[in-house]
């Protein structure tokens, strides 16, 4: 067996393991709903900007209007999602990924 065949069989074994399947499940369970939520939030901003101009033009404080607040909240939500994902990954994904990485490194020796 060549090194390349050995490496691919190690990766295939890991990919078929219950730990790897659990890692994928946890990743998807968080990222898919969060992606849908973020895209819906962004689409709301775009739709409101195009079809609810009077609402978006309401001034809240001086020249600051609802549209500007919505736009700034896009940045805030992006950073909050990144922070929340980092916490999720640290608690739920990294331990499994570290274990799998160590297994692959041991098998590859």
Protein backbone atom coordinates (compact mmCIF):
# COMPACT_ATOMS: atom_id res chain seq x y z
CA UNK A 1 0.00 0.00 0.00
CA UNK A 2 1.41 3.38 -0.99
CA UNK A 3 1.50 6.32 1.36
CA UNK A 4 -1.22 8.03 -0.62
CA UNK A 5 -3.50 4.98 -0.38
CA UNK A 6 -2.77 4.72 3.34
CA UNK A 7 -3.57 8.41 3.88
CA UNK A 8 -6.84 8.20 1.98
CA UNK A 9 -7.92 5.09 3.86
CA UNK A 10 -7.20 6.85 7.19
CA UNK A 11 -9.28 9.82 6.15
CA UNK A 12 -12.07 7.60 4.86
CA UNK A 13 -12.13 5.71 8.17
CA UNK A 14 -12.30 8.95 10.12
CA UNK A 15 -15.03 10.28 7.85
CA UNK A 16 -17.11 7.17 8.52
CA UNK A 17 -16.62 7.35 12.30
CA UNK A 18 -19.47 8.26 14.65
CA UNK A 19 -17.39 11.14 16.06
CA UNK A 20 -17.00 12.72 12.63
CA UNK A 21 -20.70 12.29 11.91
CA UNK A 22 -21.50 13.94 15.25
CA UNK A 23 -19.13 16.79 14.41
CA UNK A 24 -20.89 17.36 11.07
CA UNK A 25 -24.29 17.17 12.76
CA UNK A 26 -23.36 19.76 15.39
CA UNK A 27 -21.79 22.05 12.80
CA UNK A 28 -24.82 21.91 10.52
CA UNK A 29 -27.31 22.23 13.38
CA UNK A 30 -25.82 25.62 14.25
CA UNK A 31 -24.67 27.04 10.92
CA UNK A 32 -27.67 26.27 8.73
CA UNK A 33 -30.29 27.95 10.94
CA UNK A 34 -27.96 30.87 11.68
CA UNK A 35 -27.26 31.34 7.97
CA UNK A 36 -30.99 31.33 7.19
CA UNK A 37 -31.64 33.81 10.01
CA UNK A 38 -28.88 36.14 8.85
CA UNK A 39 -29.97 36.02 5.22
CA UNK A 40 -33.58 36.71 6.23
CA UNK A 41 -32.40 39.67 8.34
CA UNK A 42 -30.33 40.99 5.42
CA UNK A 43 -33.20 40.48 2.97
CA UNK A 44 -35.50 42.39 5.33
CA UNK A 45 -33.05 45.29 5.23
CA UNK A 46 -32.90 45.23 1.43
CA UNK A 47 -36.68 44.93 1.03
CA UNK A 48 -37.35 47.68 3.56
CA UNK A 49 -34.82 49.93 1.81
CA UNK A 50 -36.55 49.39 -1.52
CA UNK A 51 -40.21 49.30 -0.61
CA UNK A 52 -40.60 50.99 2.77
CA UNK A 53 -38.65 54.14 2.09
CA UNK A 54 -40.91 56.32 4.21
CA UNK A 55 -40.35 54.07 7.20
CA UNK A 56 -36.60 53.86 6.62
CA UNK A 57 -36.45 57.66 6.34
CA UNK A 58 -37.95 58.30 9.77
CA UNK A 59 -35.45 60.39 11.68
CA UNK A 60 -34.67 59.13 15.15
CA UNK A 61 -31.93 61.43 16.36
CA UNK A 62 -30.84 64.42 14.32
CA UNK A 63 -29.96 63.14 10.86
CA UNK A 64 -29.85 59.51 12.00
CA UNK A 65 -32.76 57.61 10.51
CA UNK A 66 -34.15 54.08 10.72
CA UNK A 67 -32.33 53.03 7.52
CA UNK A 68 -28.96 54.05 8.94
CA UNK A 69 -29.68 52.14 12.15
CA UNK A 70 -30.71 49.05 10.16
CA UNK A 71 -27.52 49.32 8.11
CA UNK A 72 -25.32 49.61 11.18
CA UNK A 73 -27.15 46.70 12.80
CA UNK A 74 -26.07 44.56 9.83
CA UNK A 75 -22.47 45.02 10.97
CA UNK A 76 -23.37 44.44 14.61
CA UNK A 77 -25.24 41.23 13.78
CA UNK A 78 -22.31 39.98 11.68
CA UNK A 79 -19.89 40.43 14.57
CA UNK A 80 -22.35 38.89 17.05
CA UNK A 81 -22.79 35.84 14.83
CA UNK A 82 -19.02 35.45 14.49
CA UNK A 83 -18.61 35.72 18.27
CA UNK A 84 -21.44 33.26 18.91
CA UNK A 85 -19.98 30.80 16.39
CA UNK A 86 -16.56 31.02 18.04
CA UNK A 87 -18.15 30.17 21.40
CA UNK A 88 -20.16 27.34 19.85
CA UNK A 89 -17.11 25.92 18.11
CA UNK A 90 -14.99 26.14 21.24
CA UNK A 91 -17.53 24.26 23.35
CA UNK A 92 -19.20 21.86 20.91
CA UNK A 93 -16.94 21.36 17.89
CA UNK A 94 -13.30 21.81 18.90
CA UNK A 95 -13.15 18.94 21.41
CA UNK A 96 -14.38 16.46 18.80
CA UNK A 97 -12.20 17.94 16.06
CA UNK A 98 -9.12 17.80 18.30
CA UNK A 99 -9.80 14.16 19.11
CA UNK A 100 -10.21 13.30 15.43
CA UNK A 101 -7.06 15.22 14.51
CA UNK A 102 -5.04 13.28 17.09
CA UNK A 103 -6.43 10.00 15.77
CA UNK A 104 -5.48 10.90 12.21
CA UNK A 105 -1.98 11.94 13.30
CA UNK A 106 -1.49 8.67 15.18
CA UNK A 107 -2.70 6.57 12.26
CA UNK A 108 -0.57 8.50 9.79
CA UNK A 109 2.67 7.69 11.65
